[in-house]
Amino acid sequence: MLKEYQADFHVHTVLSPCGDIIMTPQKYH
């Protein structure tokens, strides 16, 4: 799960460095 989180987080960081960084951790927590 940690690898998926880091991969998804990296993709979201590239796509939208403002919105998805905030949204992504909530999705996994």
PDB file of N, CA and C in Angstrom:
ATOM      1  N   MET A   1       0.836  -1.206   0.000  1.00  0.00           N
ATOM      2  CA  MET A   1       0.000   0.000   0.000  1.00  0.00           C
ATOM      3  C   MET A   1       0.866   1.248   0.000  1.00  0.00           C
ATOM      4  N   LEU A   2       1.999   1.177   0.661  1.00  0.00           N
ATOM      5  CA  LEU A   2       2.873   2.345   0.736  1.00  0.00           C
ATOM      6  C   LEU A   2       3.423   2.689  -0.640  1.00  0.00           C
ATOM      7  N   LYS A   3       3.751   1.662  -1.423  1.00  0.00           N
ATOM      8  CA  LYS A   3       4.262   1.905  -2.773  1.00  0.00           C
ATOM      9  C   LYS A   3       3.188   2.548  -3.638  1.00  0.00           C
ATOM     10  N   GLU A   4       1.960   2.087  -3.494  1.00  0.00           N
ATOM     11  CA  GLU A   4       0.861   2.660  -4.268  1.00  0.00           C
ATOM     12  C   GLU A   4       0.643   4.108  -3.872  1.00  0.00           C
ATOM     13  N   TYR A   5       0.780   4.385  -2.578  1.00  0.00           N
ATOM     14  CA  TYR A   5       0.588   5.748  -2.079  1.00  0.00           C
ATOM     15  C   TYR A   5       1.646   6.675  -2.650  1.00  0.00           C
ATOM     16  N   GLN A   6       2.902   6.230  -2.624  1.00  0.00           N
ATOM     17  CA  GLN A   6       3.995   7.066  -3.119  1.00  0.00           C
ATOM     18  C   GLN A   6       3.859   7.286  -4.626  1.00  0.00           C
ATOM     19  N   ALA A   7       3.463   6.250  -5.348  1.00  0.00           N
ATOM     20  CA  ALA A   7       3.309   6.371  -6.795  1.00  0.00           C
ATOM     21  C   ALA A   7       2.173   7.324  -7.133  1.00  0.00           C
ATOM     22  N   ASP A   8       1.037   7.153  -6.444  1.00  0.00           N
ATOM     23  CA  ASP A   8      -0.123   7.999  -6.694  1.00  0.00           C
ATOM     24  C   ASP A   8       0.163   9.431  -6.275  1.00  0.00           C
ATOM     25  N   PHE A   9       0.852   9.577  -5.163  1.00  0.00           N
ATOM     26  CA  PHE A   9       1.207  10.903  -4.666  1.00  0.00           C
ATOM     27  C   PHE A   9       2.120  11.612  -5.658  1.00  0.00           C
ATOM     28  N   HIS A  10       3.068  10.866  -6.239  1.00  0.00           N
ATOM     29  CA  HIS A  10       4.004  11.442  -7.196  1.00  0.00           C
ATOM     30  C   HIS A  10       3.262  11.901  -8.449  1.00  0.00           C
ATOM     31  N   VAL A  11       2.342  11.086  -8.926  1.00  0.00           N
ATOM     32  CA  VAL A  11       1.567  11.431 -10.118  1.00  0.00           C
ATOM     33  C   VAL A  11       0.732  12.676  -9.862  1.00  0.00           C
ATOM     34  N   HIS A  12       0.083  12.721  -8.700  1.00  0.00           N
ATOM     35  CA  HIS A  12      -0.749  13.877  -8.369  1.00  0.00           C
ATOM     36  C   HIS A  12       0.109  15.123  -8.188  1.00  0.00           C
ATOM     37  N   THR A  13       1.330  14.937  -7.682  1.00  0.00           N
ATOM     38  CA  THR A  13       2.228  16.075  -7.506  1.00  0.00           C
ATOM     39  C   THR A  13       2.576  16.691  -8.862  1.00  0.00           C
ATOM     40  N   VAL A  14       2.753  15.833  -9.868  1.00  0.00           N
ATOM     41  CA  VAL A  14       3.087  16.312 -11.210  1.00  0.00           C
ATOM     42  C   VAL A  14       1.871  16.967 -11.866  1.00  0.00           C
ATOM     43  N   LEU A  15       0.704  16.366 -11.664  1.00  0.00           N
ATOM     44  CA  LEU A  15      -0.495  16.856 -12.341  1.00  0.00           C
ATOM     45  C   LEU A  15      -1.019  18.135 -11.708  1.00  0.00           C
ATOM     46  N   SER A  16      -1.121  18.133 -10.379  1.00  0.00           N
ATOM     47  CA  SER A  16      -1.710  19.288  -9.699  1.00  0.00           C
ATOM     48  C   SER A  16      -1.057  19.481  -8.338  1.00  0.00           C
ATOM     49  N   PRO A  17       0.039  20.239  -8.285  1.00  0.00           N
ATOM     50  CA  PRO A  17       0.827  20.399  -7.071  1.00  0.00           C
ATOM     51  C   PRO A  17       0.099  21.147  -5.956  1.00  0.00           C
ATOM     52  N   CYS A  18      -1.107  21.633  -6.221  1.00  0.00           N
ATOM     53  CA  CYS A  18      -1.814  22.378  -5.174  1.00  0.00           C
ATOM     54  C   CYS A  18      -2.983  21.579  -4.607  1.00  0.00           C
ATOM     55  N   GLY A  19      -3.834  21.043  -5.482  1.00  0.00           N
ATOM     56  CA  GLY A  19      -5.066  20.401  -5.031  1.00  0.00           C
ATOM     57  C   GLY A  19      -4.873  18.960  -4.603  1.00  0.00           C
ATOM     58  N   ASP A  20      -4.211  18.159  -5.454  1.00  0.00           N
ATOM     59  CA  ASP A  20      -4.197  16.720  -5.228  1.00  0.00           C
ATOM     60  C   ASP A  20      -3.332  16.314  -4.042  1.00  0.00           C
ATOM     61  N   ILE A  21      -2.313  17.117  -3.732  1.00  0.00           N
ATOM     62  CA  ILE A  21      -1.479  16.815  -2.571  1.00  0.00           C
ATOM     63  C   ILE A  21      -2.333  16.835  -1.303  1.00  0.00           C
ATOM     64  N   ILE A  22      -3.294  17.752  -1.271  1.00  0.00           N
ATOM     65  CA  ILE A  22      -4.167  17.859  -0.104  1.00  0.00           C
ATOM     66  C   ILE A  22      -5.224  16.752  -0.122  1.00  0.00           C
ATOM     67  N   MET A  23      -5.722  16.424  -1.305  1.00  0.00           N
ATOM     68  CA  MET A  23      -6.818  15.471  -1.430  1.00  0.00           C
ATOM     69  C   MET A  23      -6.351  14.030  -1.249  1.00  0.00           C
ATOM     70  N   THR A  24      -5.171  13.700  -1.798  1.00  0.00           N
ATOM     71  CA  THR A  24      -4.714  12.316  -1.859  1.00  0.00           C
ATOM     72  C   THR A  24      -4.555  11.650  -0.484  1.00  0.00           C
ATOM     73  N   PRO A  25      -3.893  12.288   0.502  1.00  0.00           N
ATOM     74  CA  PRO A  25      -3.733  11.651   1.812  1.00  0.00           C
ATOM     75  C   PRO A  25      -5.073  11.355   2.479  1.00  0.00           C
ATOM     76  N   GLN A  26      -6.064  12.194   2.290  1.00  0.00           N
ATOM     77  CA  GLN A  26      -7.380  11.976   2.872  1.00  0.00           C
ATOM     78  C   GLN A  26      -8.030  10.734   2.269  1.00  0.00           C
ATOM     79  N   LYS A  27      -7.746  10.486   1.002  1.00  0.00           N
ATOM     80  CA  LYS A  27      -8.326   9.332   0.316  1.00  0.00           C
ATOM     81  C   LYS A  27      -7.807   8.027   0.914  1.00  0.00           C
ATOM     82  N   TYR A  28      -6.566   8.031   1.373  1.00  0.00           N
ATOM     83  CA  TYR A  28      -5.976   6.822   1.927  1.00  0.00           C
ATOM     84  C   TYR A  28      -6.207   6.697   3.424  1.00  0.00           C
ATOM     85  N   HIS A  29      -6.402   7.821   4.088  1.00  0.00           N
ATOM     86  CA  HIS A  29      -6.712   7.780   5.513  1.00  0.00           C
ATOM     87  C   HIS A  29      -8.216   7.626   5.678  1.00  0.00           C
TER      88      HIS A  29
END
